[in-house]
């Protein structure tokens, strides 16, 4: 059974989500990307009746059961709530990162009905497929280094500079999938610092509940893309470098080939389809499992230690 799905949003991110879902036989993607950037909570929404009407009409489609939502952070909970009220499941596709308030709100809905809200992070698919990426394999003395270089076209550099001179929003978008992975291994962050230079570079660190430490460095305006995460502990180390994972232990050295980022995204979407059609638990795609990343983003915003969990 396929899931009748529409993609709502604008831009390259929404188009990429549409193309990924089209690769999955589990989804029946209806029509092109629905351009509804003027929906409630989106920039410029006030007075944009045609876009408001488009969103209302989208929710009224009787044959659609899943909305893949590519919307700005601000106000997107209004879209999620209205979709749930219309009995539509929601896939937070681009960007997927949730705030603490959003996670707490969605947590109150999980036990009240069967309408799902999912927030996939493709790197989480490695947690169940690579035995070395298990929280049981590491001690609180682990430390890691994350270095990212991201190619950014000139036109995007100019628009980013006009929007924010600190580079922190773009920087955290690049770091977030890897920090999320670290949170699954070492628990929620308790301290996080990140300093952006204003020229597309930033450095910082994060300390996790287990005591593990992660140093971070990112360059947004590099001539190439290169992502490398190295974690070292007493008895083992791993290096995630592009499509390869190197595992060193006292007994052996292993080199594992990993799926591409796009293939990981397809794996995540297929897993989501299985859970939605079976009515089973959403597992790694449940919004609450992103709480560690939400804490990290909250710490960066506040420049303080983690708030006590309620």
Foldseek 3Di string as FASTA:
>chain_A
DAAEEEEEADDPQSQLVLVLVVVAPRYDYPDHHHYLQLDPFHPPVPPPVVSPVSLVVVLPPPRHAEYEYAYDQGGCVVVVVVSVVSNHAYEPRHQQADAPVVQVVVVVCVPVDLRYYFRDQLVVVVCVVPVCLALVNAALAKEKEKEKEAADDPVVVVVVCVVDQFCVVVVCVVCLSVLLSVCRNANAWFAWEKGGPSQQKIWIKTAHPRNYIYTYIYGHHDPDTWIWMWMDHDFWIWIDTAQWIWIDGPVDIDIDGHDHSSVSVSVLVNLQSVCSVVSHDNPPGHNNSSVRSSQNVVCHVVVHTGDDDD
